[in-house]
């Protein structure tokens, strides 16, 4: 549980600090109400809402990898919690009528939180559409007897070559760029050696799902071989492909995968390479991509 919170420690620390500052401000400027003045219905409604916001926040942090969508959801829920928290303090602490800043603290964060939460839900919805799109492709092509990887829900090497041929033809016809992205897990053999091949298979399955979640609907990710994945990026130039590669590297680093036997979190990392397609065969393009990835890994190894 705590390993999943690690990428969000700063956000959680700031939320705790803000909540405590709000409490200190109320105590310093007001007086505690006697119990007979407490309105229990308001306490349950406002305090319960603040508690539920914290529960939602914990569920988001536990179930999602770090990234843009998670940041929107976390920040939105944090603002909503803070607004309800300040609102609930009024039920226990009486402030003088001359003080108005408490109204800003109660009402200001709520619309900001709702906007951020809406953005997070919207992009989460787009993630699900991307996953559904990949699954639709898989089901449709499975009915057409296409070859898929036996371990992951992705296309295999033969399927990649078939789709790459079609994508190259489509790119030439529409005169739109096409890029190819390779992602290779770092030190994957060490995972197999230390935890066994079944755990290595679980890592590949988790990374497969992660890649699908972080790609656009029109993109296609396949498992080329072993721990190497290749992504077809239609209508994508090399610079945009490089940005996508960095985002995927960050997503892999943030993946909170735990071993099934001991619950130990594996710190994963990946190397990437991107090439833009020219007037060449699928075999030549894949060869150039693999060569670029090998050069990238060699450069990283020298600098380490």
Protein backbone atom coordinates (compact mmCIF):
# COMPACT_ATOMS: atom_id res chain seq x y z
CA UNK A 1 0.00 0.00 0.00
CA UNK A 2 2.73 2.47 1.02
CA UNK A 3 4.71 1.79 -2.15
CA UNK A 4 1.75 2.95 -4.24
CA UNK A 5 1.68 6.23 -2.30
CA UNK A 6 5.39 6.95 -2.78
CA UNK A 7 5.04 8.95 -6.05
CA UNK A 8 2.37 11.10 -4.37
CA UNK A 9 4.11 11.81 -1.04
CA UNK A 10 4.49 15.52 -1.76
CA UNK A 11 0.81 15.94 -2.70
CA UNK A 12 -0.33 14.08 0.42
CA UNK A 13 2.05 16.04 2.64
CA UNK A 14 0.72 19.34 1.25
CA UNK A 15 -2.86 18.19 1.78
CA UNK A 16 -2.12 17.24 5.40
CA UNK A 17 -0.36 20.57 5.94
CA UNK A 18 -3.28 22.53 4.46
CA UNK A 19 -5.82 20.66 6.60
CA UNK A 20 -3.80 21.31 9.76
CA UNK A 21 -3.32 24.98 8.90
CA UNK A 22 -7.07 25.33 8.44
CA UNK A 23 -7.65 23.78 11.85
CA UNK A 24 -5.03 26.00 13.51
CA UNK A 25 -6.54 29.13 11.93
CA UNK A 26 -9.98 28.22 13.27
CA UNK A 27 -8.67 27.47 16.76
CA UNK A 28 -6.59 30.66 16.85
CA UNK A 29 -9.44 32.94 15.78
CA UNK A 30 -12.52 31.22 17.20
CA UNK A 31 -13.87 29.39 20.21
CA UNK A 32 -14.98 25.79 20.56
CA UNK A 33 -18.74 25.37 20.63
CA UNK A 34 -20.35 23.53 23.53
CA UNK A 35 -21.68 20.08 22.68
CA UNK A 36 -25.30 21.18 22.97
CA UNK A 37 -24.76 23.55 20.01
CA UNK A 38 -23.48 20.81 17.75
CA UNK A 39 -25.80 19.98 14.85
CA UNK A 40 -25.27 16.27 14.35
CA UNK A 41 -26.95 16.11 10.95
CA UNK A 42 -24.55 18.76 9.58
CA UNK A 43 -21.61 17.03 11.23
CA UNK A 44 -22.51 13.70 9.62
CA UNK A 45 -23.18 15.29 6.24
CA UNK A 46 -20.11 17.52 6.01
CA UNK A 47 -17.70 15.31 7.96
CA UNK A 48 -18.93 12.20 6.15
CA UNK A 49 -18.41 13.89 2.80
CA UNK A 50 -14.84 14.83 3.76
CA UNK A 51 -14.19 11.25 4.89
CA UNK A 52 -15.58 9.83 1.65
CA UNK A 53 -13.34 12.16 -0.36
CA UNK A 54 -10.35 10.70 1.50
CA UNK A 55 -11.59 7.16 0.81
CA UNK A 56 -11.93 7.96 -2.91
CA UNK A 57 -8.45 9.48 -2.85
CA UNK A 58 -7.01 6.33 -1.32
CA UNK A 59 -8.76 4.10 -3.86
CA UNK A 60 -7.42 6.19 -6.75
CA UNK A 61 -3.87 6.04 -5.41
CA UNK A 62 -4.10 2.29 -4.79
CA UNK A 63 -5.62 1.32 -8.13
CA UNK A 64 -3.93 3.64 -10.65
CA UNK A 65 -0.33 4.17 -11.78
CA UNK A 66 1.20 7.61 -11.49
CA UNK A 67 0.57 9.91 -14.43
CA UNK A 68 -1.40 12.87 -15.73
CA UNK A 69 -4.83 11.33 -15.20
CA UNK A 70 -4.01 10.26 -11.64
CA UNK A 71 -2.67 13.75 -10.88
CA UNK A 72 -5.95 15.34 -12.01
CA UNK A 73 -7.97 12.93 -9.87
CA UNK A 74 -5.75 13.32 -6.81
CA UNK A 75 -5.64 17.12 -6.95
CA UNK A 76 -9.38 17.35 -7.59
CA UNK A 77 -10.26 15.08 -4.68
CA UNK A 78 -7.77 16.91 -2.45
CA UNK A 79 -9.46 20.25 -3.13
CA UNK A 80 -12.91 18.74 -2.52
CA UNK A 81 -11.74 17.16 0.75
CA UNK A 82 -10.22 20.44 1.92
CA UNK A 83 -13.41 22.36 1.17
CA UNK A 84 -15.57 19.86 3.08
CA UNK A 85 -13.01 19.71 5.91
CA UNK A 86 -13.08 23.48 6.42
CA UNK A 87 -16.87 23.44 6.18
CA UNK A 88 -17.08 20.78 8.91
CA UNK A 89 -14.84 22.78 11.26
CA UNK A 90 -17.60 25.41 11.54
CA UNK A 91 -19.72 22.83 13.32
CA UNK A 92 -17.22 22.64 16.21
CA UNK A 93 -15.57 26.08 16.23
CA UNK A 94 -17.40 29.42 16.29
CA UNK A 95 -15.70 32.27 14.41
CA UNK A 96 -16.53 35.96 14.92
CA UNK A 97 -18.82 37.53 12.33
CA UNK A 98 -16.03 39.93 11.32
CA UNK A 99 -14.01 37.06 9.86
CA UNK A 100 -14.75 36.31 6.20
CA UNK A 101 -11.74 34.29 5.08
CA UNK A 102 -13.40 31.07 6.22
CA UNK A 103 -16.02 31.47 3.48
CA UNK A 104 -13.25 31.62 0.87
CA UNK A 105 -11.59 28.52 2.30
CA UNK A 106 -14.91 26.67 2.30
CA UNK A 107 -16.14 27.67 -1.15
CA UNK A 108 -13.01 28.44 -3.17
CA UNK A 109 -11.40 24.97 -3.44
CA UNK A 110 -14.68 23.20 -4.30
CA UNK A 111 -15.16 24.45 -7.91
CA UNK A 112 -11.42 24.04 -8.58
CA UNK A 113 -11.61 20.47 -7.30
CA UNK A 114 -14.69 19.72 -9.39
CA UNK A 115 -12.98 21.02 -12.54
CA UNK A 116 -9.82 18.97 -11.90
CA UNK A 117 -11.87 15.89 -11.04
CA UNK A 118 -13.91 16.33 -14.23
CA UNK A 119 -10.72 16.57 -16.28
CA UNK A 120 -9.40 13.42 -14.63
CA UNK A 121 -12.60 11.49 -15.26
CA UNK A 122 -12.66 12.71 -18.87
CA UNK A 123 -9.11 11.49 -19.56
CA UNK A 124 -9.83 8.28 -17.63
CA UNK A 125 -12.78 7.80 -19.99
CA UNK A 126 -10.42 8.26 -22.96
CA UNK A 127 -8.10 5.63 -21.47
CA UNK A 128 -10.98 3.18 -21.30
CA UNK A 129 -11.90 3.96 -24.90
CA UNK A 130 -8.31 3.17 -25.90
CA UNK A 131 -8.45 -0.14 -24.03
CA UNK A 132 -11.80 -0.97 -25.58
CA UNK A 133 -10.43 -0.09 -29.01
CA UNK A 134 -7.51 -2.46 -28.52
CA UNK A 135 -9.84 -5.21 -27.35
CA UNK A 136 -12.15 -4.65 -30.30
CA UNK A 137 -9.18 -5.00 -32.65
CA UNK A 138 -8.12 -8.16 -30.86
CA UNK A 139 -11.58 -9.75 -30.97
CA UNK A 140 -12.19 -8.79 -34.60
CA UNK A 141 -8.85 -10.12 -35.78
CA UNK A 142 -9.14 -13.20 -33.63
CA UNK A 143 -12.32 -14.06 -35.49
CA UNK A 144 -10.29 -13.58 -38.66
CA UNK A 145 -7.72 -16.09 -37.34
CA UNK A 146 -4.91 -13.58 -36.83
CA UNK A 147 -1.94 -14.56 -34.67
CA UNK A 148 -1.74 -13.13 -31.16
CA UNK A 149 0.84 -13.43 -28.45
CA UNK A 150 0.05 -16.40 -26.20
CA UNK A 151 1.10 -14.66 -22.98
CA UNK A 152 -0.25 -11.13 -23.33
CA UNK A 153 -3.44 -9.74 -24.91
CA UNK A 154 -1.32 -8.17 -27.67
CA UNK A 155 -0.48 -9.01 -31.22
CA UNK A 156 2.65 -11.07 -31.82
CA UNK A 157 5.54 -10.58 -34.23
CA UNK A 158 3.67 -11.95 -37.27
CA UNK A 159 0.67 -9.76 -36.55
CA UNK A 160 2.97 -6.74 -36.19
CA UNK A 161 4.52 -7.35 -39.61
CA UNK A 162 1.09 -7.73 -41.19
CA UNK A 163 -0.20 -4.49 -39.65
CA UNK A 164 3.03 -2.65 -40.40
CA UNK A 165 2.72 -3.50 -44.09
CA UNK A 166 -0.82 -2.11 -44.15
CA UNK A 167 0.17 0.97 -42.15
CA UNK A 168 3.07 1.77 -44.48
CA UNK A 169 0.78 1.58 -47.49
CA UNK A 170 -1.81 3.77 -45.78
CA UNK A 171 0.85 6.29 -44.76
CA UNK A 172 2.12 6.59 -48.34
CA UNK A 173 -1.40 6.90 -49.74
CA UNK A 174 -2.45 9.65 -47.33
CA UNK A 175 1.03 11.23 -47.22
CA UNK A 176 0.94 11.25 -43.44
CA UNK A 177 3.86 10.41 -41.12
CA UNK A 178 4.17 7.02 -39.46
CA UNK A 179 6.51 6.33 -36.56
CA UNK A 180 7.55 3.14 -34.84
CA UNK A 181 8.40 2.96 -31.13
CA UNK A 182 10.29 0.14 -29.43
CA UNK A 183 10.26 -0.40 -25.67
CA UNK A 184 12.58 -2.88 -23.97
CA UNK A 185 12.48 -3.63 -20.23
CA UNK A 186 15.81 -3.12 -18.48
CA UNK A 187 17.37 -6.07 -16.60
CA UNK A 188 14.34 -8.24 -17.23
CA UNK A 189 16.45 -11.41 -17.09
CA UNK A 190 17.30 -10.60 -13.47
CA UNK A 191 13.59 -10.78 -12.59
CA UNK A 192 13.34 -14.26 -14.11
CA UNK A 193 16.47 -15.39 -12.32
CA UNK A 194 15.47 -14.05 -8.91
CA UNK A 195 11.71 -14.64 -8.85
CA UNK A 196 11.15 -17.25 -11.55
CA UNK A 197 9.69 -17.19 -15.04
CA UNK A 198 6.09 -17.14 -13.81
CA UNK A 199 6.75 -13.80 -12.09
CA UNK A 200 8.45 -12.55 -15.25
CA UNK A 201 5.34 -13.49 -17.20
CA UNK A 202 3.20 -11.53 -14.72
CA UNK A 203 5.43 -8.48 -15.23
CA UNK A 204 5.02 -8.72 -19.01
CA UNK A 205 1.25 -8.94 -18.65
CA UNK A 206 1.18 -5.90 -16.33
CA UNK A 207 3.39 -3.87 -18.66
CA UNK A 208 1.20 -4.85 -21.62
CA UNK A 209 -1.89 -3.45 -19.92
CA UNK A 210 0.03 -0.33 -18.88
CA UNK A 211 1.14 0.38 -22.44
CA UNK A 212 -2.40 0.01 -23.78
CA UNK A 213 -3.69 2.47 -21.15
CA UNK A 214 -1.10 5.09 -22.12
CA UNK A 215 -1.62 5.01 -25.90
CA UNK A 216 -4.12 6.64 -28.20
CA UNK A 217 -7.04 4.76 -29.70
CA UNK A 218 -5.43 4.61 -33.15
CA UNK A 219 -2.08 3.33 -31.85
CA UNK A 220 -1.26 -0.38 -31.89
CA UNK A 221 1.12 -2.09 -29.47
CA UNK A 222 2.49 -5.58 -30.10
CA UNK A 223 4.92 -7.84 -28.30
CA UNK A 224 7.78 -8.42 -30.69
CA UNK A 225 9.70 -10.96 -28.62
CA UNK A 226 10.67 -11.53 -25.00
CA UNK A 227 10.44 -8.26 -23.11
CA UNK A 228 10.43 -6.07 -26.24
CA UNK A 229 7.30 -4.24 -27.35
CA UNK A 230 6.72 -2.28 -30.54
CA UNK A 231 4.11 0.45 -31.00
CA UNK A 232 2.73 1.62 -34.34
CA UNK A 233 2.07 5.38 -34.19
CA UNK A 234 -0.02 6.53 -37.16
CA UNK A 235 -0.03 10.23 -38.09
CA UNK A 236 2.95 10.77 -35.79
CA UNK A 237 6.27 12.46 -36.53
CA UNK A 238 9.52 11.54 -34.85
CA UNK A 239 9.47 14.40 -32.30
CA UNK A 240 5.94 13.51 -31.17
CA UNK A 241 6.97 9.85 -31.02
CA UNK A 242 9.92 10.73 -28.79
CA UNK A 243 7.58 12.54 -26.39
CA UNK A 244 5.35 9.46 -26.32
CA UNK A 245 8.40 7.29 -25.61
CA UNK A 246 9.36 9.42 -22.60
CA UNK A 247 5.80 9.18 -21.26
CA UNK A 248 5.89 5.39 -21.56
CA UNK A 249 9.27 5.23 -19.80
CA UNK A 250 7.81 7.28 -16.94
CA UNK A 251 4.71 5.07 -16.80
CA UNK A 252 6.88 1.93 -16.51
CA UNK A 253 8.99 3.51 -13.75
CA UNK A 254 5.81 4.39 -11.85
CA UNK A 255 4.24 0.93 -12.18
CA UNK A 256 3.69 -0.45 -8.67
CA UNK A 257 4.04 -4.15 -9.52
CA UNK A 258 4.42 -6.47 -6.54
CA UNK A 259 5.64 -10.05 -6.65
CA UNK A 260 2.90 -12.56 -6.03
CA UNK A 261 4.86 -14.65 -3.54
CA UNK A 262 6.38 -12.03 -1.20
CA UNK A 263 4.58 -8.82 -2.16
CA UNK A 264 7.88 -7.12 -2.93
CA UNK A 265 7.63 -4.13 -5.26
CA UNK A 266 9.75 -4.41 -8.39
CA UNK A 267 11.40 -1.21 -9.53
CA UNK A 268 10.97 -1.44 -13.31
CA UNK A 269 12.63 0.64 -16.01
CA UNK A 270 12.62 0.58 -19.79
CA UNK A 271 14.67 1.81 -22.73
CA UNK A 272 12.96 3.16 -25.82
CA UNK A 273 13.74 4.09 -29.40
CA UNK A 274 11.70 5.84 -32.07
CA UNK A 275 12.15 5.90 -35.85
CA UNK A 276 10.04 7.53 -38.52
CA UNK A 277 9.07 5.39 -41.50
CA UNK A 278 10.40 6.22 -44.94
CA UNK A 279 9.96 4.52 -48.30
CA UNK A 280 11.20 1.12 -47.13
CA UNK A 281 10.00 -2.40 -46.47
CA UNK A 282 8.60 -3.50 -43.09
CA UNK A 283 11.67 -5.67 -42.56
CA UNK A 284 14.04 -2.77 -43.18
CA UNK A 285 12.06 -0.49 -40.88
CA UNK A 286 12.06 -3.03 -38.04
CA UNK A 287 15.77 -3.64 -38.53
CA UNK A 288 16.45 0.10 -38.30
CA UNK A 289 14.28 0.33 -35.18
CA UNK A 290 16.13 -2.54 -33.46
CA UNK A 291 19.47 -0.99 -34.40
CA UNK A 292 18.42 2.38 -32.95
CA UNK A 293 17.30 0.68 -29.74
CA UNK A 294 20.61 -1.19 -29.48
CA UNK A 295 22.53 2.07 -29.94
CA UNK A 296 20.40 3.74 -27.26
CA UNK A 297 21.03 0.95 -24.77
CA UNK A 298 24.75 1.01 -25.55
CA UNK A 299 24.88 4.77 -24.94
CA UNK A 300 23.02 4.42 -21.65
CA UNK A 301 25.31 1.60 -20.55
CA UNK A 302 28.41 3.71 -21.24
CA UNK A 303 27.06 6.68 -19.34
CA UNK A 304 25.99 4.58 -16.32
